[in-house]
Amino acid sequence: MRPLAAGERAVLDKLLSESFPGRDALAEQARDVRVRSIDADGSLALMPDPGVCPADVVRRIPVEAEAEDLDGVAIHVLLHVVDGYMKELEVYREDSSRVVRPITPDALSTVVL
């Protein structure tokens, strides 16, 4: 596990900039979260500090974002929360092929579920 890279931190911060149940606790978890790369598209396993409080979220995926890849296919970024703790930042393209464009916060449109 490693600390978030600057670009990864910016994407996670973008997701947490929206208002939704549990957001404040997740933002606290994000402060010292450690990560491990899962795939080439940028998905990350997330491990918050063990001393943080759980988030009272309504859904496993309380917030997501999307952007267009270079060829116009949608890229999705989902924040997974399990038992109140951020568990995964999932990144995928709608057509299941590899993400081409680097994901930046400015390109993302967030959706609270």
Protein backbone atom coordinates (compact mmCIF):
# COMPACT_ATOMS: atom_id res chain seq x y z
CA MET A 1 0.00 0.00 0.00
CA ARG A 2 1.16 3.52 -0.75
CA PRO A 3 -0.08 7.10 -0.34
CA LEU A 4 -2.32 8.57 -3.02
CA ALA A 5 -0.53 10.23 -5.95
CA ALA A 6 -1.45 13.88 -6.56
CA GLY A 7 -3.73 13.09 -9.51
CA GLU A 8 -5.46 10.29 -7.63
CA ARG A 9 -5.99 12.61 -4.64
CA ALA A 10 -7.51 15.25 -6.94
CA VAL A 11 -10.00 12.74 -8.41
CA LEU A 12 -11.01 11.47 -4.96
CA ASP A 13 -11.37 15.05 -3.71
CA LYS A 14 -13.62 15.83 -6.69
CA LEU A 15 -15.92 12.93 -5.76
CA LEU A 16 -15.98 14.07 -2.14
CA SER A 17 -16.76 17.68 -3.09
CA GLU A 18 -20.43 16.74 -3.53
CA SER A 19 -22.89 16.66 -0.64
CA PHE A 20 -24.28 13.23 0.28
CA PRO A 21 -24.88 11.20 3.46
CA GLY A 22 -21.57 10.09 4.95
CA ARG A 23 -19.46 12.52 2.90
CA ASP A 24 -17.79 14.20 5.89
CA ALA A 25 -16.68 10.88 7.40
CA LEU A 26 -15.40 9.71 4.00
CA ALA A 27 -13.48 12.98 3.58
CA GLU A 28 -11.86 12.30 6.95
CA GLN A 29 -11.00 8.75 5.83
CA ALA A 30 -9.47 10.17 2.63
CA ARG A 31 -6.97 12.31 4.54
CA ASP A 32 -4.61 9.42 5.25
CA VAL A 33 -5.95 6.70 2.97
CA ARG A 34 -3.42 4.27 1.51
CA VAL A 35 -3.95 2.67 -1.89
CA ARG A 36 -2.92 -0.19 -4.13
CA SER A 37 -3.37 -0.19 -7.90
CA ILE A 38 -5.85 -2.80 -9.11
CA ASP A 39 -5.70 -2.41 -12.87
CA ALA A 40 -4.25 -0.41 -15.76
CA ASP A 41 -7.34 1.81 -15.98
CA GLY A 42 -6.53 3.43 -12.63
CA SER A 43 -8.79 1.49 -10.24
CA LEU A 44 -7.50 1.53 -6.67
CA ALA A 45 -8.02 -0.55 -3.54
CA LEU A 46 -8.43 1.92 -0.66
CA MET A 47 -7.40 1.38 2.96
CA PRO A 48 -8.24 4.19 5.38
CA ASP A 49 -6.43 4.58 8.68
CA PRO A 50 -7.87 2.06 11.17
CA GLY A 51 -8.67 4.81 13.71
CA VAL A 52 -11.16 6.74 11.57
CA CYS A 53 -14.92 6.65 12.07
CA PRO A 54 -17.16 4.76 9.64
CA ALA A 55 -19.33 6.73 7.24
CA ASP A 56 -23.09 6.36 7.43
CA VAL A 57 -23.77 6.05 3.71
CA VAL A 58 -27.07 5.01 2.15
CA ARG A 59 -25.56 3.01 -0.74
CA ARG A 60 -22.43 1.02 -1.42
CA ILE A 61 -21.63 3.54 -4.17
CA PRO A 62 -22.73 6.91 -2.78
CA VAL A 63 -21.09 9.00 -5.50
CA GLU A 64 -19.67 8.48 -8.96
CA ALA A 65 -18.34 10.59 -11.79
CA GLU A 66 -17.97 10.27 -15.51
CA ALA A 67 -15.95 11.80 -18.32
CA GLU A 68 -15.48 11.19 -22.02
CA ASP A 69 -12.45 9.30 -23.24
CA LEU A 70 -10.62 10.60 -26.32
CA ASP A 71 -12.91 8.64 -28.63
CA GLY A 72 -16.12 9.79 -26.90
CA VAL A 73 -16.79 6.60 -24.92
CA ALA A 74 -17.77 7.30 -21.31
CA ILE A 75 -15.34 6.61 -18.48
CA HIS A 76 -16.89 5.95 -15.05
CA VAL A 77 -15.27 6.50 -11.66
CA LEU A 78 -17.13 4.93 -8.70
CA LEU A 79 -16.35 5.21 -5.00
CA HIS A 80 -17.19 1.93 -3.24
CA VAL A 81 -17.89 1.99 0.51
CA VAL A 82 -18.12 -1.26 2.51
CA ASP A 83 -19.26 -1.31 6.14
CA GLY A 84 -18.76 2.46 6.30
CA TYR A 85 -15.19 2.49 4.99
CA MET A 86 -13.97 3.49 1.53
CA LYS A 87 -12.86 0.29 -0.14
CA GLU A 88 -12.31 0.92 -3.84
CA LEU A 89 -12.09 3.63 -6.46
CA GLU A 90 -13.27 1.81 -9.57
CA VAL A 91 -12.43 3.18 -13.03
CA TYR A 92 -13.81 1.67 -16.24
CA ARG A 93 -14.96 2.47 -19.76
CA GLU A 94 -18.51 1.67 -20.86
CA ASP A 95 -17.26 -0.56 -23.67
CA SER A 96 -14.85 -2.44 -21.34
CA SER A 97 -11.78 -1.48 -23.38
CA ARG A 98 -8.80 0.32 -21.85
CA VAL A 99 -9.07 3.92 -20.68
CA VAL A 100 -6.96 6.11 -22.98
CA ARG A 101 -7.32 9.62 -21.57
CA PRO A 102 -5.80 10.43 -18.17
CA ILE A 103 -8.61 11.19 -15.74
CA THR A 104 -8.54 14.73 -14.39
CA PRO A 105 -10.97 16.33 -11.94
CA ASP A 106 -11.85 19.07 -14.42
CA ALA A 107 -13.11 16.51 -16.94
CA LEU A 108 -15.36 14.74 -14.42
CA SER A 109 -19.07 15.32 -13.90
CA THR A 110 -20.14 13.95 -10.52
CA VAL A 111 -23.40 12.17 -9.74
CA VAL A 112 -24.72 11.53 -6.23
CA LEU A 113 -26.74 8.32 -6.11
